């Protein structure tokens, strides 16, 4: 049971970081598209 607890403690921050990275990547992509549209 202790191993599962350790796995969760390691997994949760990784999931949070990947979610934050994905959000910032998507918002960065949208910003680039908006800049491209303004140039056109």
N, C-alpha and C. Protein backbone atom coordinates (compact mmCIF):
# COMPACT_ATOMS: atom_id res chain seq x y z
N UNK A 1 0.83 -1.21 0.00
CA UNK A 1 0.00 0.00 0.00
C UNK A 1 0.87 1.26 0.00
N UNK A 2 2.03 1.19 0.66
CA UNK A 2 2.91 2.36 0.69
C UNK A 2 3.44 2.72 -0.68
N UNK A 3 3.67 1.69 -1.51
CA UNK A 3 4.20 1.93 -2.86
C UNK A 3 3.19 2.73 -3.69
N UNK A 4 1.91 2.39 -3.56
CA UNK A 4 0.86 3.09 -4.32
C UNK A 4 0.82 4.56 -3.91
N UNK A 5 0.97 4.82 -2.61
CA UNK A 5 0.97 6.21 -2.12
C UNK A 5 2.12 6.99 -2.74
N UNK A 6 3.30 6.37 -2.78
CA UNK A 6 4.48 7.03 -3.37
C UNK A 6 4.25 7.30 -4.85
N UNK A 7 3.67 6.31 -5.55
CA UNK A 7 3.37 6.47 -6.97
C UNK A 7 2.44 7.66 -7.20
N UNK A 8 1.39 7.78 -6.37
CA UNK A 8 0.45 8.90 -6.51
C UNK A 8 1.15 10.23 -6.25
N UNK A 9 2.00 10.26 -5.21
CA UNK A 9 2.72 11.49 -4.88
C UNK A 9 3.62 11.93 -6.04
N UNK A 10 4.16 10.96 -6.77
CA UNK A 10 4.99 11.29 -7.93
C UNK A 10 4.14 11.63 -9.15
N UNK A 11 3.01 10.95 -9.29
CA UNK A 11 2.19 11.08 -10.49
C UNK A 11 1.42 12.40 -10.52
N UNK A 12 0.87 12.81 -9.38
CA UNK A 12 0.02 14.01 -9.34
C UNK A 12 0.78 15.26 -9.82
N UNK A 13 1.98 15.56 -9.31
CA UNK A 13 2.70 16.75 -9.80
C UNK A 13 3.03 16.66 -11.29
N UNK A 14 3.34 15.46 -11.77
CA UNK A 14 3.65 15.28 -13.20
C UNK A 14 2.41 15.60 -14.04
N UNK A 15 1.25 15.11 -13.59
CA UNK A 15 0.01 15.39 -14.32
C UNK A 15 -0.30 16.88 -14.31
N UNK A 16 -0.12 17.52 -13.16
CA UNK A 16 -0.38 18.96 -13.05
C UNK A 16 0.56 19.74 -13.97
N UNK A 17 1.83 19.40 -13.96
CA UNK A 17 2.81 20.10 -14.79
C UNK A 17 2.50 19.91 -16.27
N UNK A 18 2.14 18.68 -16.67
CA UNK A 18 1.83 18.43 -18.08
C UNK A 18 0.57 19.18 -18.49
N UNK A 19 -0.41 19.28 -17.59
CA UNK A 19 -1.64 20.02 -17.90
C UNK A 19 -1.32 21.51 -18.07
N UNK A 20 -0.49 22.06 -17.19
CA UNK A 20 -0.10 23.47 -17.29
C UNK A 20 0.69 23.71 -18.58
N UNK A 21 1.61 22.81 -18.89
CA UNK A 21 2.41 22.94 -20.10
C UNK A 21 1.53 22.89 -21.34
N UNK A 22 0.54 22.00 -21.34
CA UNK A 22 -0.38 21.87 -22.47
C UNK A 22 -1.19 23.15 -22.64
N UNK A 23 -1.69 23.69 -21.54
CA UNK A 23 -2.49 24.92 -21.59
C UNK A 23 -1.66 26.08 -22.14
N UNK A 24 -0.45 26.24 -21.63
CA UNK A 24 0.41 27.34 -22.08
C UNK A 24 0.79 27.15 -23.55
N UNK A 25 0.98 25.88 -23.98
CA UNK A 25 1.29 25.59 -25.38
C UNK A 25 0.12 25.98 -26.28
N UNK A 26 -1.11 25.61 -25.85
CA UNK A 26 -2.30 25.92 -26.64
C UNK A 26 -2.51 27.43 -26.71
N UNK A 27 -2.38 28.12 -25.59
CA UNK A 27 -2.58 29.58 -25.57
C UNK A 27 -1.49 30.27 -26.39
N UNK A 28 -0.27 29.75 -26.35
CA UNK A 28 0.82 30.29 -27.15
C UNK A 28 0.54 30.11 -28.63
N UNK A 29 -0.03 28.96 -29.00
CA UNK A 29 -0.39 28.69 -30.39
C UNK A 29 -1.46 29.68 -30.85
N UNK A 30 -2.45 29.92 -29.99
CA UNK A 30 -3.52 30.86 -30.33
C UNK A 30 -2.97 32.27 -30.52
N UNK A 31 -2.02 32.66 -29.65
CA UNK A 31 -1.41 33.99 -29.77
C UNK A 31 -0.68 34.12 -31.10
N UNK A 32 0.06 33.09 -31.49
CA UNK A 32 0.79 33.12 -32.76
C UNK A 32 -0.18 33.24 -33.93
N UNK A 33 -1.31 32.52 -33.86
CA UNK A 33 -2.31 32.58 -34.93
C UNK A 33 -2.92 33.98 -35.01
N UNK A 34 -3.19 34.59 -33.85
CA UNK A 34 -3.75 35.95 -33.82
C UNK A 34 -2.77 36.94 -34.44
N UNK A 35 -1.48 36.80 -34.12
CA UNK A 35 -0.45 37.69 -34.67
C UNK A 35 -0.39 37.51 -36.19
N UNK A 36 -0.46 36.27 -36.66
CA UNK A 36 -0.43 35.98 -38.09
C UNK A 36 -1.63 36.62 -38.79
N UNK A 37 -2.79 36.55 -38.16
CA UNK A 37 -4.00 37.15 -38.75
C UNK A 37 -3.87 38.67 -38.82
N UNK A 38 -3.30 39.27 -37.78
CA UNK A 38 -3.13 40.73 -37.77
C UNK A 38 -2.16 41.17 -38.86
N UNK A 39 -1.16 40.37 -39.13
CA UNK A 39 -0.19 40.70 -40.19
C UNK A 39 -0.87 40.66 -41.55
N UNK A 40 -1.79 39.71 -41.73
CA UNK A 40 -2.52 39.59 -43.00
C UNK A 40 -3.61 40.67 -43.06
